[in-house]
Amino acid sequence: MISPVRLPRWLLTPLALALALVLLLVGPDIGCAQIQVHDDRVPGTAMVRSLESLRDLDYQSWQVVAYRQETAAGTPSLRLRLVGFPGKVRLDHPTSLQVRSGRRQWQLVDVTLSQPQLAADSRSAAAEFDLAPLLADLDQDRPLRLSLPGVFLELPVPPFVVAEWRRLPDWGPGDQP
């Protein structure tokens, strides 16, 4: 019978710390959102976006896209697009998005029908909201709770995603995505 190897107590703590450090450095990056830049379909426009997949409290997945789009006229727009799985969800318009952070609350206006591609989409699995009022009022990267009446009660948005959203208005071509 082989007896197990016993390490001295003074060696266990440094060994556990070294193992934890290796796992942190080599392990996957769990909290990482990324700003992406690409030319839009319309010549002369560019889109800067933060894309993340989040789950609501009912464990339904949502693609959450916050973006700033520069138009040919040079006027930027800040939008938040929520996309559910087609066939599992049907979004009625207009429905305001309710946002909470601690005691603070916002209502984001539904602008879905002003987007020709979304208005013509018969699947009705996407909604788009004006993000500018929220970003103008946020001063910290605190977690947010989104609520869309009749669709989901709560969709948690972690702080690292909020940080990406807050960078959108000021993000410039020289910044690293």
N, C-alpha and C. Protein backbone atom coordinates (compact mmCIF):
# COMPACT_ATOMS: atom_id res chain seq x y z
N MET A 1 0.84 -1.16 0.00
CA MET A 1 0.00 0.00 0.00
C MET A 1 0.89 1.24 0.00
N ILE A 2 0.56 2.20 -0.86
CA ILE A 2 1.34 3.42 -0.98
C ILE A 2 0.74 4.47 -0.05
N SER A 3 1.56 5.09 0.75
CA SER A 3 1.05 6.12 1.66
C SER A 3 1.08 7.48 0.96
N PRO A 4 0.09 8.34 1.24
CA PRO A 4 0.05 9.65 0.60
C PRO A 4 1.22 10.53 1.06
N VAL A 5 1.63 11.44 0.19
CA VAL A 5 2.73 12.34 0.51
C VAL A 5 2.19 13.45 1.40
N ARG A 6 2.87 13.72 2.50
CA ARG A 6 2.46 14.77 3.42
C ARG A 6 3.48 15.90 3.34
N LEU A 7 2.96 17.08 3.08
CA LEU A 7 3.83 18.25 3.02
C LEU A 7 3.84 18.94 4.37
N PRO A 8 4.95 19.54 4.71
CA PRO A 8 4.99 20.29 5.98
C PRO A 8 4.05 21.48 5.91
N ARG A 9 3.48 21.86 7.05
CA ARG A 9 2.51 22.96 7.11
C ARG A 9 3.11 24.27 6.61
N TRP A 10 4.35 24.53 6.87
CA TRP A 10 4.96 25.80 6.46
C TRP A 10 5.05 25.92 4.95
N LEU A 11 4.94 24.81 4.21
CA LEU A 11 5.02 24.83 2.76
C LEU A 11 3.64 24.95 2.10
N LEU A 12 2.57 24.63 2.81
CA LEU A 12 1.23 24.64 2.21
C LEU A 12 0.76 26.04 1.81
N THR A 13 0.94 27.03 2.65
CA THR A 13 0.47 28.38 2.34
C THR A 13 1.17 28.97 1.12
N PRO A 14 2.52 28.95 1.05
CA PRO A 14 3.17 29.48 -0.16
C PRO A 14 2.79 28.70 -1.41
N LEU A 15 2.61 27.39 -1.28
CA LEU A 15 2.23 26.56 -2.42
C LEU A 15 0.83 26.93 -2.90
N ALA A 16 -0.11 27.14 -1.97
CA ALA A 16 -1.47 27.53 -2.34
C ALA A 16 -1.48 28.91 -2.99
N LEU A 17 -0.70 29.85 -2.48
CA LEU A 17 -0.62 31.18 -3.08
C LEU A 17 -0.03 31.13 -4.49
N ALA A 18 1.00 30.31 -4.68
CA ALA A 18 1.61 30.18 -6.00
C ALA A 18 0.62 29.58 -6.99
N LEU A 19 -0.14 28.58 -6.57
CA LEU A 19 -1.14 27.97 -7.44
C LEU A 19 -2.23 28.96 -7.80
N ALA A 20 -2.69 29.75 -6.82
CA ALA A 20 -3.72 30.76 -7.09
C ALA A 20 -3.21 31.80 -8.07
N LEU A 21 -1.97 32.22 -7.93
CA LEU A 21 -1.38 33.21 -8.84
C LEU A 21 -1.29 32.66 -10.26
N VAL A 22 -0.89 31.42 -10.41
CA VAL A 22 -0.81 30.80 -11.74
C VAL A 22 -2.19 30.73 -12.37
N LEU A 23 -3.20 30.35 -11.61
CA LEU A 23 -4.56 30.25 -12.15
C LEU A 23 -5.09 31.62 -12.57
N LEU A 24 -4.77 32.67 -11.82
CA LEU A 24 -5.21 34.01 -12.18
C LEU A 24 -4.54 34.50 -13.45
N LEU A 25 -3.27 34.20 -13.61
CA LEU A 25 -2.53 34.68 -14.78
C LEU A 25 -2.84 33.88 -16.04
N VAL A 26 -3.08 32.60 -15.90
CA VAL A 26 -3.28 31.73 -17.05
C VAL A 26 -4.76 31.52 -17.37
N GLY A 27 -5.64 31.66 -16.37
CA GLY A 27 -7.05 31.38 -16.54
C GLY A 27 -7.73 32.33 -17.51
N PRO A 28 -8.96 32.02 -17.91
CA PRO A 28 -9.68 32.87 -18.86
C PRO A 28 -10.03 34.22 -18.25
N ASP A 29 -10.15 35.22 -19.10
CA ASP A 29 -10.53 36.56 -18.67
C ASP A 29 -12.06 36.63 -18.65
N ILE A 30 -12.63 36.49 -17.47
CA ILE A 30 -14.08 36.40 -17.34
C ILE A 30 -14.76 37.75 -17.57
N GLY A 31 -14.21 38.82 -17.04
CA GLY A 31 -14.86 40.12 -17.13
C GLY A 31 -14.23 41.00 -18.19
N CYS A 32 -14.52 40.74 -19.45
CA CYS A 32 -13.89 41.51 -20.51
C CYS A 32 -14.90 41.91 -21.57
N ALA A 33 -15.21 43.19 -21.61
CA ALA A 33 -15.99 43.72 -22.72
C ALA A 33 -15.00 44.40 -23.64
N GLN A 34 -15.37 44.61 -24.87
CA GLN A 34 -14.43 45.20 -25.81
C GLN A 34 -15.14 46.13 -26.75
N ILE A 35 -14.59 47.34 -26.87
CA ILE A 35 -15.13 48.29 -27.84
C ILE A 35 -14.62 47.89 -29.21
N GLN A 36 -15.51 47.86 -30.18
CA GLN A 36 -15.15 47.51 -31.55
C GLN A 36 -15.48 48.68 -32.46
N VAL A 37 -14.66 48.88 -33.49
CA VAL A 37 -14.89 49.96 -34.45
C VAL A 37 -14.96 49.34 -35.84
N HIS A 38 -15.95 49.76 -36.63
CA HIS A 38 -16.01 49.30 -38.01
C HIS A 38 -16.80 50.31 -38.83
N ASP A 39 -16.57 50.27 -40.13
CA ASP A 39 -17.33 51.13 -41.03
C ASP A 39 -18.72 50.55 -41.18
N ASP A 40 -19.70 51.43 -41.19
CA ASP A 40 -21.08 50.99 -41.33
C ASP A 40 -21.40 50.77 -42.81
N ARG A 41 -22.60 50.30 -43.08
CA ARG A 41 -23.00 50.03 -44.46
C ARG A 41 -23.07 51.31 -45.29
N VAL A 42 -23.34 52.43 -44.66
CA VAL A 42 -23.45 53.70 -45.36
C VAL A 42 -22.05 54.31 -45.48
N PRO A 43 -21.57 54.61 -46.68
CA PRO A 43 -20.24 55.19 -46.82
C PRO A 43 -20.13 56.51 -46.05
N GLY A 44 -18.98 56.70 -45.43
CA GLY A 44 -18.73 57.93 -44.71
C GLY A 44 -19.20 57.91 -43.27
N THR A 45 -19.68 56.75 -42.79
CA THR A 45 -20.09 56.65 -41.40
C THR A 45 -19.25 55.58 -40.71
N ALA A 46 -19.09 55.71 -39.43
CA ALA A 46 -18.36 54.72 -38.63
C ALA A 46 -19.19 54.40 -37.40
N MET A 47 -19.04 53.17 -36.90
CA MET A 47 -19.77 52.76 -35.72
C MET A 47 -18.75 52.27 -34.68
N VAL A 48 -18.94 52.72 -33.45
CA VAL A 48 -18.14 52.26 -32.31
C VAL A 48 -19.12 51.56 -31.39
N ARG A 49 -18.82 50.31 -31.01
CA ARG A 49 -19.80 49.58 -30.21
C ARG A 49 -19.16 48.74 -29.13
N SER A 50 -19.96 48.45 -28.11
CA SER A 50 -19.62 47.53 -27.05
C SER A 50 -20.65 46.41 -27.11
N LEU A 51 -20.19 45.20 -27.31
CA LEU A 51 -21.07 44.05 -27.51
C LEU A 51 -20.86 43.04 -26.40
N GLU A 52 -21.95 42.60 -25.79
CA GLU A 52 -21.86 41.62 -24.71
C GLU A 52 -23.10 40.74 -24.73
N SER A 53 -22.95 39.49 -24.31
CA SER A 53 -24.08 38.58 -24.15
C SER A 53 -24.35 38.45 -22.65
N LEU A 54 -25.58 38.78 -22.24
CA LEU A 54 -25.95 38.73 -20.82
C LEU A 54 -27.19 37.88 -20.64
N ARG A 55 -27.41 37.40 -19.42
CA ARG A 55 -28.59 36.59 -19.11
C ARG A 55 -29.46 37.33 -18.10
N ASP A 56 -30.78 37.27 -18.33
CA ASP A 56 -31.70 37.86 -17.36
C ASP A 56 -31.90 36.89 -16.20
N LEU A 57 -32.73 37.26 -15.24
CA LEU A 57 -32.92 36.41 -14.06
C LEU A 57 -33.67 35.12 -14.37
N ASP A 58 -34.33 35.05 -15.54
CA ASP A 58 -34.97 33.81 -15.97
C ASP A 58 -34.02 32.96 -16.81
N TYR A 59 -32.75 33.36 -16.87
CA TYR A 59 -31.68 32.66 -17.56
C TYR A 59 -31.83 32.67 -19.08
N GLN A 60 -32.53 33.68 -19.61
CA GLN A 60 -32.64 33.87 -21.05
C GLN A 60 -31.48 34.74 -21.52
N SER A 61 -30.86 34.38 -22.62
CA SER A 61 -29.72 35.14 -23.14
C SER A 61 -30.18 36.34 -23.96
N TRP A 62 -29.45 37.43 -23.81
CA TRP A 62 -29.71 38.66 -24.55
C TRP A 62 -28.40 39.19 -25.10
N GLN A 63 -28.40 39.57 -26.35
CA GLN A 63 -27.26 40.27 -26.90
C GLN A 63 -27.49 41.75 -26.60
N VAL A 64 -26.53 42.37 -25.95
CA VAL A 64 -26.64 43.77 -25.53
C VAL A 64 -25.57 44.55 -26.26
N VAL A 65 -26.01 45.48 -27.10
CA VAL A 65 -25.08 46.27 -27.92
C VAL A 65 -25.31 47.75 -27.62
N ALA A 66 -24.29 48.38 -27.07
CA ALA A 66 -24.32 49.84 -26.89
C ALA A 66 -23.42 50.39 -28.00
N TYR A 67 -23.92 51.37 -28.74
CA TYR A 67 -23.09 51.87 -29.83
C TYR A 67 -23.26 53.36 -30.06
N ARG A 68 -22.22 53.93 -30.62
CA ARG A 68 -22.22 55.32 -31.07
C ARG A 68 -21.99 55.26 -32.56
N GLN A 69 -22.87 55.91 -33.29
CA GLN A 69 -22.75 55.91 -34.73
C GLN A 69 -22.62 57.35 -35.20
N GLU A 70 -21.55 57.59 -35.94
CA GLU A 70 -21.33 58.91 -36.55
C GLU A 70 -22.01 58.89 -37.91
N THR A 71 -22.89 59.84 -38.13
CA THR A 71 -23.58 59.90 -39.42
C THR A 71 -22.76 60.74 -40.39
N ALA A 72 -23.15 60.75 -41.63
CA ALA A 72 -22.46 61.53 -42.66
C ALA A 72 -22.50 63.02 -42.33
N ALA A 73 -23.55 63.46 -41.63
CA ALA A 73 -23.68 64.87 -41.25
C ALA A 73 -22.82 65.20 -40.03
N GLY A 74 -22.19 64.19 -39.42
CA GLY A 74 -21.32 64.42 -38.27
C GLY A 74 -22.03 64.45 -36.93
N THR A 75 -23.30 64.09 -36.89
CA THR A 75 -24.03 64.07 -35.62
C THR A 75 -23.99 62.66 -35.04
N PRO A 76 -23.44 62.49 -33.85
CA PRO A 76 -23.39 61.15 -33.25
C PRO A 76 -24.71 60.79 -32.57
N SER A 77 -25.01 59.51 -32.57
CA SER A 77 -26.16 59.02 -31.81
C SER A 77 -25.68 57.88 -30.92
N LEU A 78 -26.20 57.82 -29.70
CA LEU A 78 -25.85 56.76 -28.75
C LEU A 78 -27.08 55.89 -28.56
N ARG A 79 -26.93 54.62 -28.81
CA ARG A 79 -28.06 53.69 -28.76
C ARG A 79 -27.71 52.44 -27.96
N LEU A 80 -28.74 51.82 -27.40
CA LEU A 80 -28.63 50.54 -26.73
C LEU A 80 -29.60 49.59 -27.41
N ARG A 81 -29.07 48.52 -27.98
CA ARG A 81 -29.91 47.53 -28.67
C ARG A 81 -29.92 46.24 -27.85
N LEU A 82 -31.12 45.74 -27.58
CA LEU A 82 -31.30 44.45 -26.91
C LEU A 82 -31.88 43.48 -27.92
N VAL A 83 -31.24 42.33 -28.05
CA VAL A 83 -31.69 41.33 -29.02
C VAL A 83 -31.90 40.01 -28.29
N GLY A 84 -33.12 39.50 -28.36
CA GLY A 84 -33.44 38.20 -27.78
C GLY A 84 -33.40 37.12 -28.85
N PHE A 85 -33.55 35.89 -28.44
CA PHE A 85 -33.54 34.78 -29.38
C PHE A 85 -34.84 34.79 -30.16
N PRO A 86 -34.79 34.92 -31.50
CA PRO A 86 -36.03 34.94 -32.29
C PRO A 86 -36.86 33.67 -32.05
N GLY A 87 -38.14 33.85 -31.90
CA GLY A 87 -39.04 32.72 -31.64
C GLY A 87 -39.29 32.50 -30.17
N LYS A 88 -38.38 32.94 -29.30
CA LYS A 88 -38.57 32.81 -27.85
C LYS A 88 -39.14 34.08 -27.24
N VAL A 89 -38.95 35.19 -27.93
CA VAL A 89 -39.39 36.47 -27.38
C VAL A 89 -39.96 37.32 -28.50
N ARG A 90 -40.98 38.10 -28.16
CA ARG A 90 -41.56 39.05 -29.11
C ARG A 90 -41.69 40.38 -28.38
N LEU A 91 -41.06 41.40 -28.90
CA LEU A 91 -41.04 42.70 -28.25
C LEU A 91 -42.04 43.64 -28.91
N ASP A 92 -42.90 44.24 -28.11
CA ASP A 92 -43.85 45.23 -28.60
C ASP A 92 -43.23 46.62 -28.51
N HIS A 93 -43.58 47.47 -29.46
CA HIS A 93 -43.01 48.82 -29.49
C HIS A 93 -44.12 49.84 -29.55
N PRO A 94 -43.96 50.97 -28.97
CA PRO A 94 -42.84 51.39 -28.12
C PRO A 94 -43.06 50.96 -26.67
N THR A 95 -41.99 50.52 -26.03
CA THR A 95 -41.97 50.19 -24.61
C THR A 95 -40.68 50.75 -24.03
N SER A 96 -40.77 51.62 -23.06
CA SER A 96 -39.58 52.21 -22.45
C SER A 96 -38.81 51.19 -21.63
N LEU A 97 -37.50 51.31 -21.66
CA LEU A 97 -36.61 50.45 -20.87
C LEU A 97 -36.37 51.13 -19.53
N GLN A 98 -36.62 50.39 -18.46
CA GLN A 98 -36.40 50.92 -17.12
C GLN A 98 -35.01 50.49 -16.66
N VAL A 99 -34.24 51.45 -16.15
CA VAL A 99 -32.87 51.20 -15.70
C VAL A 99 -32.75 51.66 -14.25
N ARG A 100 -32.14 50.79 -13.41
CA ARG A 100 -31.91 51.13 -12.00
C ARG A 100 -30.45 50.92 -11.66
N SER A 101 -29.97 51.78 -10.76
CA SER A 101 -28.66 51.61 -10.16
C SER A 101 -28.77 52.16 -8.75
N GLY A 102 -28.84 51.27 -7.77
CA GLY A 102 -29.07 51.71 -6.40
C GLY A 102 -30.43 52.38 -6.30
N ARG A 103 -30.44 53.64 -5.86
CA ARG A 103 -31.70 54.38 -5.74
C ARG A 103 -32.04 55.16 -6.99
N ARG A 104 -31.12 55.25 -7.91
CA ARG A 104 -31.35 56.04 -9.12
C ARG A 104 -32.10 55.22 -10.16
N GLN A 105 -32.95 55.92 -10.94
CA GLN A 105 -33.75 55.26 -11.97
C GLN A 105 -33.81 56.13 -13.22
N TRP A 106 -33.88 55.47 -14.37
CA TRP A 106 -34.01 56.15 -15.65
C TRP A 106 -35.03 55.39 -16.49
N GLN A 107 -35.64 56.10 -17.44
CA GLN A 107 -36.52 55.49 -18.44
C GLN A 107 -35.91 55.83 -19.80
N LEU A 108 -35.49 54.83 -20.54
CA LEU A 108 -34.91 55.06 -21.86
C LEU A 108 -36.00 54.91 -22.92
N VAL A 109 -36.06 55.88 -23.81
CA VAL A 109 -37.09 55.93 -24.85
C VAL A 109 -36.83 54.86 -25.91
N ASP A 110 -37.89 54.17 -26.30
CA ASP A 110 -37.82 53.15 -27.35
C ASP A 110 -37.77 53.86 -28.72
N VAL A 111 -36.67 53.66 -29.45
CA VAL A 111 -36.51 54.27 -30.77
C VAL A 111 -36.45 53.20 -31.87
N THR A 112 -36.95 52.02 -31.57
CA THR A 112 -36.88 50.88 -32.50
C THR A 112 -37.53 51.19 -33.84
N LEU A 113 -38.70 51.81 -33.81
CA LEU A 113 -39.44 52.04 -35.05
C LEU A 113 -38.80 53.10 -35.93
N SER A 114 -37.84 53.86 -35.41
CA SER A 114 -37.13 54.85 -36.23
C SER A 114 -35.97 54.21 -37.00
N GLN A 115 -35.69 52.94 -36.72
CA GLN A 115 -34.64 52.20 -37.43
C GLN A 115 -35.30 51.32 -38.49
N PRO A 116 -35.10 51.62 -39.78
CA PRO A 116 -35.80 50.88 -40.84
C PRO A 116 -35.58 49.37 -40.80
N GLN A 117 -34.34 48.92 -40.49
CA GLN A 117 -34.08 47.47 -40.47
C GLN A 117 -34.85 46.79 -39.34
N LEU A 118 -34.92 47.43 -38.17
CA LEU A 118 -35.64 46.83 -37.04
C LEU A 118 -37.14 46.92 -37.22
N ALA A 119 -37.62 48.02 -37.76
CA ALA A 119 -39.07 48.20 -37.96
C ALA A 119 -39.61 47.19 -38.97
N ALA A 120 -38.81 46.82 -39.97
CA ALA A 120 -39.25 45.89 -41.00
C ALA A 120 -39.04 44.42 -40.61
N ASP A 121 -38.34 44.16 -39.51
CA ASP A 121 -38.04 42.79 -39.10
C ASP A 121 -39.28 42.14 -38.48
N SER A 122 -39.81 41.13 -39.11
CA SER A 122 -41.05 40.49 -38.64
C SER A 122 -40.83 39.63 -37.40
N ARG A 123 -39.59 39.31 -37.05
CA ARG A 123 -39.32 38.48 -35.87
C ARG A 123 -39.56 39.24 -34.57
N SER A 124 -39.45 40.55 -34.59
CA SER A 124 -39.67 41.42 -33.42
C SER A 124 -38.90 40.95 -32.19
N ALA A 125 -37.67 40.55 -32.37
CA ALA A 125 -36.85 40.06 -31.26
C ALA A 125 -35.81 41.08 -30.82
N ALA A 126 -35.88 42.30 -31.37
CA ALA A 126 -34.91 43.34 -31.02
C ALA A 126 -35.62 44.63 -30.66
N ALA A 127 -34.98 45.37 -29.77
CA ALA A 127 -35.48 46.69 -29.40
C ALA A 127 -34.29 47.61 -29.25
N GLU A 128 -34.50 48.88 -29.57
CA GLU A 128 -33.41 49.84 -29.50
C GLU A 128 -33.86 51.06 -28.70
N PHE A 129 -32.95 51.58 -27.87
CA PHE A 129 -33.27 52.66 -26.95
C PHE A 129 -32.23 53.76 -27.05
N ASP A 130 -32.66 54.99 -26.74
CA ASP A 130 -31.76 56.14 -26.71
C ASP A 130 -30.93 56.05 -25.44
N LEU A 131 -29.63 55.87 -25.58
CA LEU A 131 -28.73 55.66 -24.44
C LEU A 131 -28.13 56.97 -23.92
N ALA A 132 -28.24 58.05 -24.69
CA ALA A 132 -27.59 59.32 -24.33
C ALA A 132 -28.00 59.85 -22.95
N PRO A 133 -29.28 59.87 -22.57
CA PRO A 133 -29.64 60.40 -21.25
C PRO A 133 -29.01 59.63 -20.09
N LEU A 134 -28.92 58.32 -20.23
CA LEU A 134 -28.31 57.50 -19.18
C LEU A 134 -26.82 57.79 -19.06
N LEU A 135 -26.11 57.79 -20.20
CA LEU A 135 -24.67 58.02 -20.17
C LEU A 135 -24.32 59.41 -19.69
N ALA A 136 -25.17 60.38 -19.98
CA ALA A 136 -24.91 61.75 -19.53
C ALA A 136 -25.05 61.86 -18.01
N ASP A 137 -25.84 60.99 -17.41
CA ASP A 137 -26.11 61.05 -15.97
C ASP A 137 -25.25 60.11 -15.13
N LEU A 138 -24.63 59.12 -15.75
CA LEU A 138 -23.79 58.16 -15.00
C LEU A 138 -22.44 58.79 -14.68
N ASP A 139 -22.01 58.64 -13.41
CA ASP A 139 -20.70 59.16 -13.05
C ASP A 139 -19.80 58.08 -12.45
N GLN A 140 -20.29 56.83 -12.39
CA GLN A 140 -19.51 55.71 -11.87
C GLN A 140 -19.83 54.46 -12.67
N ASP A 141 -18.92 53.49 -12.57
CA ASP A 141 -19.11 52.21 -13.25
C ASP A 141 -19.83 51.23 -12.32
N ARG A 142 -21.00 51.63 -11.84
CA ARG A 142 -21.77 50.78 -10.95
C ARG A 142 -22.64 49.83 -11.77
N PRO A 143 -22.97 48.66 -11.22
CA PRO A 143 -23.84 47.74 -11.96
C PRO A 143 -25.22 48.35 -12.18
N LEU A 144 -25.82 47.97 -13.30
CA LEU A 144 -27.16 48.44 -13.64
C LEU A 144 -28.11 47.25 -13.67
N ARG A 145 -29.39 47.54 -13.49
CA ARG A 145 -30.45 46.54 -13.60
C ARG A 145 -31.44 47.06 -14.64
N LEU A 146 -31.57 46.33 -15.75
CA LEU A 146 -32.50 46.70 -16.80
C LEU A 146 -33.80 45.93 -16.63
N SER A 147 -34.91 46.57 -16.94
CA SER A 147 -36.21 45.92 -16.86
C SER A 147 -37.05 46.37 -18.06
N LEU A 148 -37.61 45.41 -18.77
CA LEU A 148 -38.47 45.69 -19.91
C LEU A 148 -39.83 45.07 -19.62
N PRO A 149 -40.82 45.89 -19.26
CA PRO A 149 -42.13 45.38 -18.85
C PRO A 149 -42.72 44.41 -19.87
N GLY A 150 -43.19 43.27 -19.35
CA GLY A 150 -43.80 42.25 -20.18
C GLY A 150 -42.80 41.34 -20.87
N VAL A 151 -41.49 41.62 -20.72
CA VAL A 151 -40.48 40.81 -21.39
C VAL A 151 -39.54 40.17 -20.37
N PHE A 152 -38.87 40.98 -19.56
CA PHE A 152 -38.04 40.46 -18.47
C PHE A 152 -38.10 41.42 -17.29
N LEU A 153 -37.99 40.83 -16.10
CA LEU A 153 -38.04 41.64 -14.88
C LEU A 153 -36.70 42.30 -14.60
N GLU A 154 -35.62 41.57 -14.81
CA GLU A 154 -34.32 42.14 -14.50
C GLU A 154 -33.22 41.50 -15.34
N LEU A 155 -32.44 42.37 -15.96
CA LEU A 155 -31.26 41.97 -16.72
C LEU A 155 -30.07 42.70 -16.09
N PRO A 156 -29.25 41.98 -15.31
CA PRO A 156 -28.11 42.64 -14.65
C PRO A 156 -27.01 42.99 -15.66
N VAL A 157 -26.48 44.20 -15.53
CA VAL A 157 -25.37 44.67 -16.36
C VAL A 157 -24.19 44.90 -15.43
N PRO A 158 -23.11 44.11 -15.56
CA PRO A 158 -21.98 44.23 -14.65
C PRO A 158 -21.17 45.52 -14.86
N PRO A 159 -20.41 45.93 -13.86
CA PRO A 159 -19.65 47.18 -13.94
C PRO A 159 -18.69 47.29 -15.12
N PHE A 160 -18.05 46.19 -15.53
CA PHE A 160 -17.11 46.29 -16.64
C PHE A 160 -17.82 46.64 -17.94
N VAL A 161 -19.08 46.24 -18.09
CA VAL A 161 -19.86 46.61 -19.28
C VAL A 161 -20.26 48.08 -19.19
N VAL A 162 -20.68 48.52 -18.01
CA VAL A 162 -21.03 49.93 -17.81
C VAL A 162 -19.82 50.81 -18.12
N ALA A 163 -18.63 50.39 -17.74
CA ALA A 163 -17.41 51.15 -18.03
C ALA A 163 -17.21 51.30 -19.54
N GLU A 164 -17.47 50.24 -20.29
CA GLU A 164 -17.36 50.32 -21.76
C GLU A 164 -18.38 51.30 -22.32
N TRP A 165 -19.60 51.26 -21.83
CA TRP A 165 -20.64 52.16 -22.30
C TRP A 165 -20.26 53.61 -22.04
N ARG A 166 -19.70 53.86 -20.86
CA ARG A 166 -19.33 55.23 -20.51
C ARG A 166 -18.19 55.76 -21.37
N ARG A 167 -17.38 54.89 -21.95
CA ARG A 167 -16.29 55.31 -22.82
C ARG A 167 -16.76 55.66 -24.23
N LEU A 168 -17.93 55.19 -24.62
CA LEU A 168 -18.41 55.38 -26.00
C LEU A 168 -18.48 56.84 -26.46
N PRO A 169 -19.05 57.77 -25.69
CA PRO A 169 -19.18 59.14 -26.20
C PRO A 169 -17.85 59.82 -26.51
N ASP A 170 -16.82 59.50 -25.75
CA ASP A 170 -15.53 60.17 -25.91
C ASP A 170 -14.49 59.34 -26.65
N TRP A 171 -14.85 58.16 -27.07
CA TRP A 171 -13.88 57.26 -27.70
C TRP A 171 -13.46 57.86 -29.04
N GLY A 172 -12.15 57.94 -29.25
CA GLY A 172 -11.64 58.51 -30.49
C GLY A 172 -10.80 57.52 -31.26
N PRO A 173 -10.45 57.86 -32.50
CA PRO A 173 -9.68 56.94 -33.34
C PRO A 173 -8.33 56.55 -32.77
N GLY A 174 -7.73 57.40 -31.92
CA GLY A 174 -6.42 57.09 -31.35
C GLY A 174 -6.50 56.17 -30.14
N ASP A 175 -7.69 55.94 -29.62
CA ASP A 175 -7.85 55.08 -28.44
C ASP A 175 -7.72 53.62 -28.83
N GLN A 176 -7.25 52.81 -27.88
CA GLN A 176 -7.14 51.37 -28.12
C GLN A 176 -8.49 50.72 -27.91
N PRO A 177 -8.97 49.90 -28.85
CA PRO A 177 -10.25 49.19 -28.63
C PRO A 177 -10.14 48.14 -27.58
